[in-house]
Amino acid sequence: MSGEAIERMSVIGAAARSACHYSRRAAALSFVLALLLPAAAGRAQSDFTRQVEARVFMLVNEMRREHGLKSLEREARLDDTTSYFAGYIAANGNLDHSADGRTPAMRVRERGYGYCAIAENIAYEYSTRGFTPEELARHFVEGWRDSPTHRANMLDRGARETGIGVARNAAGEYYAVQLFGRPPIPGAKRGAACPRGR
């Protein structure tokens, strides 16, 4: 029996006086738990989606290497853009490149990313059984691989940088966004910053 339980039993005659004190403590504890549990769930979810994003990155680069292409590098502004847009389309359940009223190019420019070329893949997955990070990433990449336009984005010879965002909505649906960017040549004059074929 805990010390707290023993103390309560030993002051049973004072129960009426202390009831208010205990109910305030219980209410405070309930409030703290109400704040902590969603935060813990959010952290677990963000850990899961980060694992999926890392696995998508690895699978796409494996595919590129199999085709003799250079691996892509993660770029913070592209990651920020995809994270925002994945969250947006998940919250709205709208799988559309212009769901927020803007184009991929507009979204990356708003975050200060200059580019010679930009392309975007989006996807949606749902299963009543759920997914492991590996399974979900594989579903996203295989779906893109089997679509000619999405596959072309993944295998774009000129792409150098990428951003990946994955989000889950309250219905348990997962949405993924991947951007493929070709930045201008650093220090090059305007006309030479985006040569063809680079």
N, C-alpha and C. Protein backbone atom coordinates (compact mmCIF):
# COMPACT_ATOMS: atom_id res chain seq x y z
N MET A 1 0.85 -1.19 0.00
CA MET A 1 0.00 0.00 0.00
C MET A 1 0.89 1.24 0.00
N SER A 2 0.58 2.22 -0.83
CA SER A 2 1.44 3.39 -0.94
C SER A 2 1.30 4.29 0.27
N GLY A 3 2.29 5.17 0.51
CA GLY A 3 2.24 6.13 1.60
C GLY A 3 1.04 7.04 1.47
N GLU A 4 0.72 7.43 0.25
CA GLU A 4 -0.42 8.31 0.02
C GLU A 4 -1.72 7.61 0.44
N ALA A 5 -1.87 6.33 0.08
CA ALA A 5 -3.07 5.59 0.45
C ALA A 5 -3.16 5.45 1.97
N ILE A 6 -2.06 5.18 2.63
CA ILE A 6 -2.04 5.06 4.09
C ILE A 6 -2.44 6.39 4.72
N GLU A 7 -1.90 7.47 4.23
CA GLU A 7 -2.23 8.78 4.77
C GLU A 7 -3.72 9.06 4.66
N ARG A 8 -4.32 8.76 3.53
CA ARG A 8 -5.75 9.01 3.35
C ARG A 8 -6.56 8.18 4.33
N MET A 9 -6.14 6.94 4.53
CA MET A 9 -6.87 6.09 5.47
C MET A 9 -6.71 6.60 6.90
N SER A 10 -5.56 7.15 7.22
CA SER A 10 -5.34 7.59 8.60
C SER A 10 -6.04 8.90 8.92
N VAL A 11 -6.45 9.65 7.92
CA VAL A 11 -7.15 10.92 8.19
C VAL A 11 -8.59 10.84 7.71
N ILE A 12 -9.16 9.65 7.81
CA ILE A 12 -10.52 9.46 7.31
C ILE A 12 -11.51 10.43 7.95
N GLY A 13 -11.26 10.82 9.19
CA GLY A 13 -12.16 11.77 9.84
C GLY A 13 -12.09 13.14 9.19
N ALA A 14 -11.02 13.44 8.49
CA ALA A 14 -10.86 14.75 7.85
C ALA A 14 -11.23 14.70 6.38
N ALA A 15 -11.86 13.62 5.94
CA ALA A 15 -12.18 13.44 4.52
C ALA A 15 -13.03 14.56 3.98
N ALA A 16 -13.99 15.01 4.75
CA ALA A 16 -14.88 16.08 4.26
C ALA A 16 -14.10 17.35 4.00
N ARG A 17 -13.15 17.68 4.92
CA ARG A 17 -12.36 18.91 4.75
C ARG A 17 -11.41 18.79 3.57
N SER A 18 -10.87 17.59 3.34
CA SER A 18 -9.84 17.44 2.31
C SER A 18 -10.40 17.10 0.94
N ALA A 19 -11.71 16.80 0.85
CA ALA A 19 -12.29 16.41 -0.44
C ALA A 19 -12.08 17.47 -1.49
N CYS A 20 -12.25 18.72 -1.10
CA CYS A 20 -12.07 19.82 -2.05
C CYS A 20 -10.63 19.87 -2.53
N HIS A 21 -9.67 19.67 -1.61
CA HIS A 21 -8.25 19.69 -1.96
C HIS A 21 -7.93 18.59 -2.98
N TYR A 22 -8.45 17.37 -2.71
CA TYR A 22 -8.18 16.25 -3.61
C TYR A 22 -8.84 16.44 -4.98
N SER A 23 -10.05 16.99 -4.99
CA SER A 23 -10.71 17.19 -6.28
C SER A 23 -9.98 18.24 -7.11
N ARG A 24 -9.40 19.28 -6.44
CA ARG A 24 -8.61 20.26 -7.18
C ARG A 24 -7.34 19.62 -7.74
N ARG A 25 -6.71 18.77 -6.93
CA ARG A 25 -5.51 18.06 -7.41
C ARG A 25 -5.85 17.16 -8.59
N ALA A 26 -6.96 16.45 -8.50
CA ALA A 26 -7.37 15.56 -9.58
C ALA A 26 -7.67 16.35 -10.85
N ALA A 27 -8.33 17.49 -10.68
CA ALA A 27 -8.63 18.32 -11.85
C ALA A 27 -7.35 18.84 -12.50
N ALA A 28 -6.40 19.26 -11.66
CA ALA A 28 -5.12 19.75 -12.18
C ALA A 28 -4.39 18.64 -12.91
N LEU A 29 -4.40 17.43 -12.32
CA LEU A 29 -3.72 16.30 -12.96
C LEU A 29 -4.39 15.95 -14.29
N SER A 30 -5.72 15.97 -14.32
CA SER A 30 -6.44 15.70 -15.57
C SER A 30 -6.08 16.72 -16.65
N PHE A 31 -5.97 17.99 -16.23
CA PHE A 31 -5.62 19.05 -17.19
C PHE A 31 -4.24 18.83 -17.76
N VAL A 32 -3.27 18.50 -16.89
CA VAL A 32 -1.89 18.25 -17.34
C VAL A 32 -1.85 17.07 -18.30
N LEU A 33 -2.56 15.98 -17.96
CA LEU A 33 -2.59 14.81 -18.84
C LEU A 33 -3.23 15.15 -20.18
N ALA A 34 -4.28 15.97 -20.15
CA ALA A 34 -4.94 16.38 -21.40
C ALA A 34 -3.99 17.14 -22.30
N LEU A 35 -3.06 17.88 -21.70
CA LEU A 35 -2.08 18.61 -22.50
C LEU A 35 -0.97 17.70 -22.99
N LEU A 36 -0.53 16.77 -22.14
CA LEU A 36 0.63 15.93 -22.47
C LEU A 36 0.32 14.82 -23.45
N LEU A 37 -0.83 14.18 -23.32
CA LEU A 37 -1.12 13.03 -24.18
C LEU A 37 -1.18 13.38 -25.66
N PRO A 38 -1.91 14.45 -26.07
CA PRO A 38 -1.88 14.80 -27.50
C PRO A 38 -0.48 15.18 -27.97
N ALA A 39 0.30 15.84 -27.10
CA ALA A 39 1.66 16.22 -27.48
C ALA A 39 2.49 14.97 -27.72
N ALA A 40 2.34 13.97 -26.83
CA ALA A 40 3.09 12.71 -26.99
C ALA A 40 2.65 12.00 -28.26
N ALA A 41 1.35 11.99 -28.53
CA ALA A 41 0.84 11.37 -29.75
C ALA A 41 1.37 12.10 -30.98
N GLY A 42 1.42 13.44 -30.90
CA GLY A 42 1.95 14.23 -32.02
C GLY A 42 3.41 13.94 -32.27
N ARG A 43 4.18 13.79 -31.18
CA ARG A 43 5.61 13.45 -31.34
C ARG A 43 5.77 12.09 -31.98
N ALA A 44 4.96 11.11 -31.52
CA ALA A 44 5.05 9.76 -32.09
C ALA A 44 4.69 9.80 -33.56
N GLN A 45 3.63 10.58 -33.90
CA GLN A 45 3.24 10.69 -35.30
C GLN A 45 4.33 11.36 -36.13
N SER A 46 4.94 12.43 -35.60
CA SER A 46 5.97 13.11 -36.37
C SER A 46 7.20 12.21 -36.53
N ASP A 47 7.51 11.40 -35.52
CA ASP A 47 8.61 10.43 -35.65
C ASP A 47 8.29 9.44 -36.77
N PHE A 48 7.05 8.97 -36.81
CA PHE A 48 6.63 8.02 -37.85
C PHE A 48 6.76 8.65 -39.23
N THR A 49 6.22 9.86 -39.40
CA THR A 49 6.26 10.49 -40.72
C THR A 49 7.69 10.82 -41.12
N ARG A 50 8.54 11.19 -40.16
CA ARG A 50 9.96 11.44 -40.50
C ARG A 50 10.63 10.17 -41.00
N GLN A 51 10.28 9.03 -40.39
CA GLN A 51 10.84 7.76 -40.86
C GLN A 51 10.37 7.45 -42.28
N VAL A 52 9.09 7.72 -42.55
CA VAL A 52 8.56 7.48 -43.90
C VAL A 52 9.29 8.38 -44.90
N GLU A 53 9.45 9.66 -44.56
CA GLU A 53 10.13 10.60 -45.45
C GLU A 53 11.56 10.15 -45.74
N ALA A 54 12.28 9.70 -44.71
CA ALA A 54 13.66 9.24 -44.90
C ALA A 54 13.70 8.02 -45.80
N ARG A 55 12.71 7.15 -45.64
CA ARG A 55 12.68 5.92 -46.46
C ARG A 55 12.32 6.26 -47.91
N VAL A 56 11.40 7.18 -48.13
CA VAL A 56 11.07 7.62 -49.50
C VAL A 56 12.32 8.18 -50.16
N PHE A 57 13.04 9.02 -49.44
CA PHE A 57 14.28 9.61 -49.95
C PHE A 57 15.26 8.51 -50.38
N MET A 58 15.43 7.51 -49.55
CA MET A 58 16.35 6.42 -49.86
C MET A 58 15.89 5.62 -51.07
N LEU A 59 14.58 5.29 -51.12
CA LEU A 59 14.07 4.48 -52.23
C LEU A 59 14.16 5.22 -53.57
N VAL A 60 13.85 6.51 -53.56
CA VAL A 60 13.94 7.28 -54.81
C VAL A 60 15.39 7.36 -55.28
N ASN A 61 16.31 7.57 -54.37
CA ASN A 61 17.72 7.62 -54.76
C ASN A 61 18.23 6.27 -55.23
N GLU A 62 17.76 5.18 -54.64
CA GLU A 62 18.13 3.85 -55.12
C GLU A 62 17.66 3.68 -56.56
N MET A 63 16.44 4.10 -56.83
CA MET A 63 15.89 4.00 -58.18
C MET A 63 16.71 4.84 -59.17
N ARG A 64 17.09 6.03 -58.76
CA ARG A 64 17.90 6.88 -59.64
C ARG A 64 19.26 6.23 -59.93
N ARG A 65 19.90 5.69 -58.91
CA ARG A 65 21.21 5.05 -59.12
C ARG A 65 21.10 3.84 -60.05
N GLU A 66 20.00 3.09 -59.92
CA GLU A 66 19.78 1.94 -60.81
C GLU A 66 19.70 2.38 -62.28
N HIS A 67 19.33 3.64 -62.50
CA HIS A 67 19.23 4.18 -63.86
C HIS A 67 20.41 5.07 -64.21
N GLY A 68 21.48 4.97 -63.45
CA GLY A 68 22.71 5.71 -63.75
C GLY A 68 22.63 7.20 -63.47
N LEU A 69 21.72 7.59 -62.58
CA LEU A 69 21.54 9.01 -62.28
C LEU A 69 22.13 9.36 -60.91
N LYS A 70 22.49 10.62 -60.75
CA LYS A 70 23.00 11.09 -59.46
C LYS A 70 21.90 11.08 -58.42
N SER A 71 22.32 10.82 -57.18
CA SER A 71 21.37 10.90 -56.06
C SER A 71 20.96 12.34 -55.83
N LEU A 72 19.75 12.51 -55.33
CA LEU A 72 19.26 13.83 -54.95
C LEU A 72 19.74 14.17 -53.55
N GLU A 73 19.80 15.46 -53.26
CA GLU A 73 20.13 15.92 -51.92
C GLU A 73 18.89 16.58 -51.32
N ARG A 74 18.69 16.38 -50.01
CA ARG A 74 17.58 17.06 -49.33
C ARG A 74 17.89 18.54 -49.25
N GLU A 75 16.88 19.37 -49.43
CA GLU A 75 17.04 20.82 -49.38
C GLU A 75 16.00 21.37 -48.40
N ALA A 76 16.45 22.17 -47.42
CA ALA A 76 15.58 22.59 -46.31
C ALA A 76 14.34 23.35 -46.77
N ARG A 77 14.48 24.23 -47.76
CA ARG A 77 13.31 25.01 -48.21
C ARG A 77 12.31 24.14 -48.96
N LEU A 78 12.82 23.14 -49.67
CA LEU A 78 11.91 22.20 -50.33
C LEU A 78 11.23 21.31 -49.30
N ASP A 79 11.98 20.89 -48.27
CA ASP A 79 11.37 20.11 -47.18
C ASP A 79 10.28 20.93 -46.49
N ASP A 80 10.54 22.20 -46.26
CA ASP A 80 9.56 23.06 -45.61
C ASP A 80 8.29 23.18 -46.47
N THR A 81 8.49 23.33 -47.77
CA THR A 81 7.36 23.45 -48.69
C THR A 81 6.52 22.18 -48.71
N THR A 82 7.19 21.03 -48.80
CA THR A 82 6.45 19.76 -48.86
C THR A 82 5.76 19.45 -47.54
N SER A 83 6.40 19.80 -46.44
CA SER A 83 5.79 19.57 -45.13
C SER A 83 4.50 20.39 -45.00
N TYR A 84 4.58 21.66 -45.40
CA TYR A 84 3.38 22.51 -45.38
C TYR A 84 2.28 21.92 -46.27
N PHE A 85 2.64 21.56 -47.52
CA PHE A 85 1.61 21.17 -48.47
C PHE A 85 1.02 19.80 -48.14
N ALA A 86 1.85 18.88 -47.65
CA ALA A 86 1.32 17.58 -47.22
C ALA A 86 0.31 17.78 -46.10
N GLY A 87 0.64 18.64 -45.15
CA GLY A 87 -0.30 18.94 -44.07
C GLY A 87 -1.58 19.57 -44.57
N TYR A 88 -1.44 20.44 -45.56
CA TYR A 88 -2.61 21.13 -46.11
C TYR A 88 -3.55 20.16 -46.82
N ILE A 89 -3.01 19.33 -47.70
CA ILE A 89 -3.88 18.43 -48.46
C ILE A 89 -4.44 17.33 -47.56
N ALA A 90 -3.68 16.94 -46.53
CA ALA A 90 -4.21 15.94 -45.58
C ALA A 90 -5.39 16.53 -44.81
N ALA A 91 -5.23 17.75 -44.33
CA ALA A 91 -6.30 18.38 -43.54
C ALA A 91 -7.56 18.61 -44.37
N ASN A 92 -7.38 18.84 -45.67
CA ASN A 92 -8.52 19.14 -46.54
C ASN A 92 -8.98 17.94 -47.36
N GLY A 93 -8.22 16.85 -47.32
CA GLY A 93 -8.59 15.66 -48.09
C GLY A 93 -8.67 15.92 -49.58
N ASN A 94 -7.80 16.80 -50.07
CA ASN A 94 -7.86 17.22 -51.47
C ASN A 94 -6.52 16.95 -52.14
N LEU A 95 -6.44 15.86 -52.90
CA LEU A 95 -5.21 15.48 -53.58
C LEU A 95 -5.12 16.20 -54.93
N ASP A 96 -4.63 17.44 -54.87
CA ASP A 96 -4.55 18.27 -56.06
C ASP A 96 -3.32 19.17 -55.93
N HIS A 97 -2.56 19.32 -57.02
CA HIS A 97 -1.34 20.13 -56.98
C HIS A 97 -1.60 21.60 -56.67
N SER A 98 -2.82 22.06 -56.92
CA SER A 98 -3.15 23.45 -56.63
C SER A 98 -4.24 23.56 -55.57
N ALA A 99 -4.25 22.61 -54.63
CA ALA A 99 -5.30 22.56 -53.61
C ALA A 99 -5.37 23.83 -52.77
N ASP A 100 -4.22 24.48 -52.56
CA ASP A 100 -4.21 25.71 -51.75
C ASP A 100 -4.31 26.97 -52.60
N GLY A 101 -4.63 26.80 -53.88
CA GLY A 101 -4.77 27.95 -54.78
C GLY A 101 -3.45 28.42 -55.37
N ARG A 102 -2.38 27.68 -55.14
CA ARG A 102 -1.06 28.05 -55.67
C ARG A 102 -0.45 26.86 -56.38
N THR A 103 0.55 27.13 -57.19
CA THR A 103 1.28 26.08 -57.90
C THR A 103 2.51 25.68 -57.08
N PRO A 104 3.12 24.53 -57.41
CA PRO A 104 4.36 24.16 -56.73
C PRO A 104 5.42 25.27 -56.85
N ALA A 105 5.53 25.87 -58.03
CA ALA A 105 6.52 26.95 -58.23
C ALA A 105 6.25 28.12 -57.30
N MET A 106 4.99 28.50 -57.15
CA MET A 106 4.65 29.60 -56.25
C MET A 106 5.01 29.26 -54.81
N ARG A 107 4.73 28.03 -54.40
CA ARG A 107 5.00 27.65 -53.01
C ARG A 107 6.49 27.68 -52.70
N VAL A 108 7.34 27.20 -53.63
CA VAL A 108 8.78 27.19 -53.33
C VAL A 108 9.36 28.60 -53.39
N ARG A 109 8.86 29.43 -54.30
CA ARG A 109 9.34 30.82 -54.36
C ARG A 109 9.01 31.57 -53.08
N GLU A 110 7.83 31.29 -52.52
CA GLU A 110 7.44 31.94 -51.25
C GLU A 110 8.41 31.60 -50.13
N ARG A 111 9.10 30.49 -50.25
CA ARG A 111 10.06 30.08 -49.22
C ARG A 111 11.50 30.37 -49.62
N GLY A 112 11.66 31.20 -50.65
CA GLY A 112 12.99 31.67 -51.03
C GLY A 112 13.82 30.70 -51.85
N TYR A 113 13.19 29.71 -52.47
CA TYR A 113 13.95 28.75 -53.28
C TYR A 113 13.95 29.20 -54.72
N GLY A 114 15.15 29.50 -55.25
CA GLY A 114 15.30 29.83 -56.66
C GLY A 114 15.55 28.55 -57.44
N TYR A 115 15.01 28.46 -58.63
CA TYR A 115 15.12 27.20 -59.37
C TYR A 115 15.18 27.45 -60.87
N CYS A 116 15.77 26.48 -61.54
CA CYS A 116 15.69 26.42 -63.00
C CYS A 116 14.52 25.54 -63.41
N ALA A 117 14.26 24.52 -62.61
CA ALA A 117 13.13 23.61 -62.86
C ALA A 117 12.62 23.11 -61.52
N ILE A 118 11.31 22.89 -61.46
CA ILE A 118 10.69 22.35 -60.24
C ILE A 118 9.57 21.40 -60.66
N ALA A 119 9.48 20.25 -60.02
CA ALA A 119 8.41 19.28 -60.30
C ALA A 119 7.92 18.72 -58.97
N GLU A 120 6.70 18.24 -58.97
CA GLU A 120 6.09 17.77 -57.72
C GLU A 120 5.32 16.48 -57.95
N ASN A 121 5.52 15.53 -57.04
CA ASN A 121 4.71 14.32 -56.97
C ASN A 121 3.88 14.37 -55.70
N ILE A 122 2.62 13.97 -55.80
CA ILE A 122 1.77 13.86 -54.62
C ILE A 122 1.11 12.49 -54.62
N ALA A 123 0.73 12.01 -53.44
CA ALA A 123 0.12 10.68 -53.34
C ALA A 123 -0.71 10.59 -52.07
N TYR A 124 -1.55 9.57 -52.03
CA TYR A 124 -2.45 9.32 -50.91
C TYR A 124 -2.47 7.82 -50.65
N GLU A 125 -2.44 7.41 -49.40
CA GLU A 125 -2.55 5.99 -49.04
C GLU A 125 -3.42 5.86 -47.80
N TYR A 126 -4.17 4.77 -47.75
CA TYR A 126 -4.99 4.47 -46.57
C TYR A 126 -5.12 2.96 -46.43
N SER A 127 -5.07 2.50 -45.20
CA SER A 127 -5.32 1.08 -44.91
C SER A 127 -5.92 0.99 -43.52
N THR A 128 -6.96 0.18 -43.38
CA THR A 128 -7.56 -0.01 -42.06
C THR A 128 -6.59 -0.71 -41.11
N ARG A 129 -5.65 -1.45 -41.67
CA ARG A 129 -4.66 -2.15 -40.84
C ARG A 129 -3.47 -1.28 -40.46
N GLY A 130 -3.34 -0.13 -41.10
CA GLY A 130 -2.20 0.74 -40.84
C GLY A 130 -0.97 0.31 -41.62
N PHE A 131 0.14 0.98 -41.38
CA PHE A 131 1.37 0.74 -42.12
C PHE A 131 2.56 0.78 -41.17
N THR A 132 3.61 0.09 -41.56
CA THR A 132 4.92 0.37 -40.98
C THR A 132 5.51 1.50 -41.83
N PRO A 133 6.52 2.22 -41.31
CA PRO A 133 7.15 3.26 -42.15
C PRO A 133 7.65 2.71 -43.48
N GLU A 134 8.24 1.51 -43.43
CA GLU A 134 8.76 0.88 -44.65
C GLU A 134 7.64 0.61 -45.66
N GLU A 135 6.53 0.05 -45.19
CA GLU A 135 5.41 -0.26 -46.09
C GLU A 135 4.83 0.99 -46.72
N LEU A 136 4.62 2.01 -45.91
CA LEU A 136 4.01 3.23 -46.43
C LEU A 136 4.91 3.90 -47.46
N ALA A 137 6.20 4.00 -47.15
CA ALA A 137 7.15 4.60 -48.11
C ALA A 137 7.16 3.81 -49.42
N ARG A 138 7.18 2.50 -49.31
CA ARG A 138 7.21 1.66 -50.51
C ARG A 138 5.95 1.86 -51.35
N HIS A 139 4.78 1.95 -50.70
CA HIS A 139 3.53 2.19 -51.44
C HIS A 139 3.59 3.51 -52.20
N PHE A 140 4.07 4.56 -51.54
CA PHE A 140 4.17 5.86 -52.22
C PHE A 140 5.09 5.75 -53.44
N VAL A 141 6.29 5.22 -53.24
CA VAL A 141 7.28 5.20 -54.32
C VAL A 141 6.86 4.27 -55.45
N GLU A 142 6.29 3.12 -55.12
CA GLU A 142 5.84 2.20 -56.17
C GLU A 142 4.69 2.80 -56.97
N GLY A 143 3.80 3.52 -56.30
CA GLY A 143 2.71 4.18 -57.02
C GLY A 143 3.25 5.21 -58.01
N TRP A 144 4.23 6.00 -57.57
CA TRP A 144 4.85 6.99 -58.46
C TRP A 144 5.61 6.31 -59.59
N ARG A 145 6.30 5.25 -59.26
CA ARG A 145 7.09 4.53 -60.28
C ARG A 145 6.20 4.00 -61.40
N ASP A 146 4.98 3.57 -61.05
CA ASP A 146 4.08 2.97 -62.03
C ASP A 146 3.28 4.00 -62.82
N SER A 147 3.46 5.28 -62.53
CA SER A 147 2.79 6.35 -63.27
C SER A 147 3.83 7.06 -64.13
N PRO A 148 3.65 7.11 -65.44
CA PRO A 148 4.68 7.69 -66.32
C PRO A 148 5.11 9.11 -65.94
N THR A 149 4.17 9.98 -65.61
CA THR A 149 4.56 11.37 -65.29
C THR A 149 5.31 11.45 -63.96
N HIS A 150 4.86 10.70 -62.95
CA HIS A 150 5.55 10.71 -61.66
C HIS A 150 6.92 10.05 -61.77
N ARG A 151 6.98 9.00 -62.55
CA ARG A 151 8.26 8.31 -62.77
C ARG A 151 9.26 9.25 -63.45
N ALA A 152 8.77 10.02 -64.42
CA ALA A 152 9.65 10.96 -65.12
C ALA A 152 10.21 11.99 -64.15
N ASN A 153 9.42 12.45 -63.20
CA ASN A 153 9.92 13.39 -62.20
C ASN A 153 11.03 12.75 -61.35
N MET A 154 10.81 11.51 -60.93
CA MET A 154 11.81 10.83 -60.09
C MET A 154 13.10 10.58 -60.85
N LEU A 155 12.99 10.36 -62.16
CA LEU A 155 14.16 10.04 -62.98
C LEU A 155 14.62 11.22 -63.83
N ASP A 156 14.25 12.42 -63.46
CA ASP A 156 14.68 13.61 -64.19
C ASP A 156 16.19 13.77 -64.03
N ARG A 157 16.89 13.74 -65.15
CA ARG A 157 18.36 13.82 -65.13
C ARG A 157 18.83 15.16 -64.57
N GLY A 158 18.05 16.20 -64.75
CA GLY A 158 18.47 17.52 -64.30
C GLY A 158 18.18 17.81 -62.84
N ALA A 159 17.33 17.00 -62.20
CA ALA A 159 16.99 17.24 -60.79
C ALA A 159 18.22 17.05 -59.91
N ARG A 160 18.40 17.94 -58.96
CA ARG A 160 19.55 17.88 -58.05
C ARG A 160 19.13 17.82 -56.59
N GLU A 161 17.98 18.45 -56.28
CA GLU A 161 17.58 18.59 -54.88
C GLU A 161 16.13 18.14 -54.71
N THR A 162 15.80 17.75 -53.49
CA THR A 162 14.45 17.27 -53.22
C THR A 162 13.98 17.70 -51.84
N GLY A 163 12.69 17.70 -51.69
CA GLY A 163 12.05 17.88 -50.39
C GLY A 163 10.93 16.87 -50.29
N ILE A 164 10.71 16.33 -49.10
CA ILE A 164 9.70 15.29 -48.91
C ILE A 164 8.89 15.60 -47.66
N GLY A 165 7.57 15.56 -47.80
CA GLY A 165 6.68 15.76 -46.66
C GLY A 165 5.60 14.71 -46.64
N VAL A 166 5.31 14.19 -45.45
CA VAL A 166 4.25 13.20 -45.27
C VAL A 166 3.39 13.67 -44.10
N ALA A 167 2.07 13.58 -44.25
CA ALA A 167 1.16 13.99 -43.18
C ALA A 167 -0.01 13.02 -43.11
N ARG A 168 -0.55 12.90 -41.91
CA ARG A 168 -1.70 12.03 -41.65
C ARG A 168 -2.85 12.88 -41.14
N ASN A 169 -4.06 12.60 -41.61
CA ASN A 169 -5.21 13.35 -41.10
C ASN A 169 -5.97 12.55 -40.06
N ALA A 170 -7.02 13.13 -39.52
CA ALA A 170 -7.77 12.49 -38.44
C ALA A 170 -8.45 11.20 -38.88
N ALA A 171 -8.69 11.03 -40.17
CA ALA A 171 -9.30 9.81 -40.69
C ALA A 171 -8.28 8.69 -40.88
N GLY A 172 -7.00 8.97 -40.60
CA GLY A 172 -5.96 7.96 -40.76
C GLY A 172 -5.43 7.86 -42.18
N GLU A 173 -5.72 8.86 -43.01
CA GLU A 173 -5.22 8.87 -44.39
C GLU A 173 -3.85 9.55 -44.42
N TYR A 174 -2.95 9.00 -45.20
CA TYR A 174 -1.61 9.56 -45.34
C TYR A 174 -1.46 10.23 -46.70
N TYR A 175 -0.87 11.41 -46.69
CA TYR A 175 -0.61 12.17 -47.92
C TYR A 175 0.89 12.45 -48.00
N ALA A 176 1.43 12.29 -49.18
CA ALA A 176 2.87 12.53 -49.40
C ALA A 176 3.06 13.54 -50.51
N VAL A 177 4.09 14.36 -50.35
CA VAL A 177 4.49 15.34 -51.37
C VAL A 177 6.00 15.23 -51.52
N GLN A 178 6.46 15.13 -52.77
CA GLN A 178 7.90 15.19 -53.04
C GLN A 178 8.15 16.21 -54.14
N LEU A 179 9.09 17.11 -53.88
CA LEU A 179 9.51 18.11 -54.87
C LEU A 179 10.87 17.74 -55.43
N PHE A 180 11.07 18.06 -56.69
CA PHE A 180 12.33 17.82 -57.38
C PHE A 180 12.79 19.15 -57.96
N GLY A 181 13.93 19.63 -57.51
CA GLY A 181 14.40 20.94 -57.95
C GLY A 181 15.74 20.90 -58.66
N ARG A 182 15.87 21.79 -59.61
CA ARG A 182 17.18 22.04 -60.25
C ARG A 182 17.51 23.50 -59.99
N PRO A 183 18.44 23.75 -59.06
CA PRO A 183 18.78 25.14 -58.73
C PRO A 183 19.65 25.77 -59.79
N PRO A 184 19.71 27.09 -59.84
CA PRO A 184 20.60 27.76 -60.79
C PRO A 184 22.06 27.53 -60.40
N ILE A 185 22.95 27.68 -61.36
CA ILE A 185 24.38 27.56 -61.08
C ILE A 185 24.80 28.75 -60.22
N PRO A 186 25.40 28.49 -59.05
CA PRO A 186 25.79 29.60 -58.17
C PRO A 186 26.77 30.55 -58.85
N GLY A 187 26.52 31.83 -58.74
CA GLY A 187 27.42 32.84 -59.27
C GLY A 187 27.32 33.09 -60.76
N ALA A 188 26.54 32.28 -61.46
CA ALA A 188 26.42 32.46 -62.92
C ALA A 188 25.54 33.66 -63.23
N LYS A 189 25.83 34.30 -64.36
CA LYS A 189 24.98 35.41 -64.80
C LYS A 189 23.61 34.88 -65.16
N ARG A 190 22.66 35.78 -65.12
CA ARG A 190 21.26 35.38 -65.27
C ARG A 190 21.01 34.46 -66.46
N GLY A 191 21.50 34.80 -67.60
CA GLY A 191 21.25 33.99 -68.81
C GLY A 191 21.94 32.64 -68.78
N ALA A 192 23.03 32.52 -68.02
CA ALA A 192 23.81 31.28 -67.99
C ALA A 192 23.52 30.43 -66.75
N ALA A 193 22.65 30.91 -65.87
CA ALA A 193 22.41 30.22 -64.60
C ALA A 193 21.64 28.92 -64.77
N CYS A 194 20.87 28.83 -65.86
CA CYS A 194 20.04 27.64 -66.09
C CYS A 194 20.27 27.08 -67.49
N PRO A 195 21.46 26.54 -67.75
CA PRO A 195 21.71 25.99 -69.08
C PRO A 195 20.85 24.75 -69.34
N ARG A 196 20.53 24.51 -70.58
CA ARG A 196 19.75 23.33 -70.93
C ARG A 196 20.58 22.08 -70.71
N GLY A 197 19.90 21.03 -70.31
CA GLY A 197 20.57 19.75 -70.16
C GLY A 197 21.33 19.58 -68.87
N ARG A 198 21.45 20.64 -68.06
CA ARG A 198 22.19 20.48 -66.81
C ARG A 198 21.29 19.82 -65.78
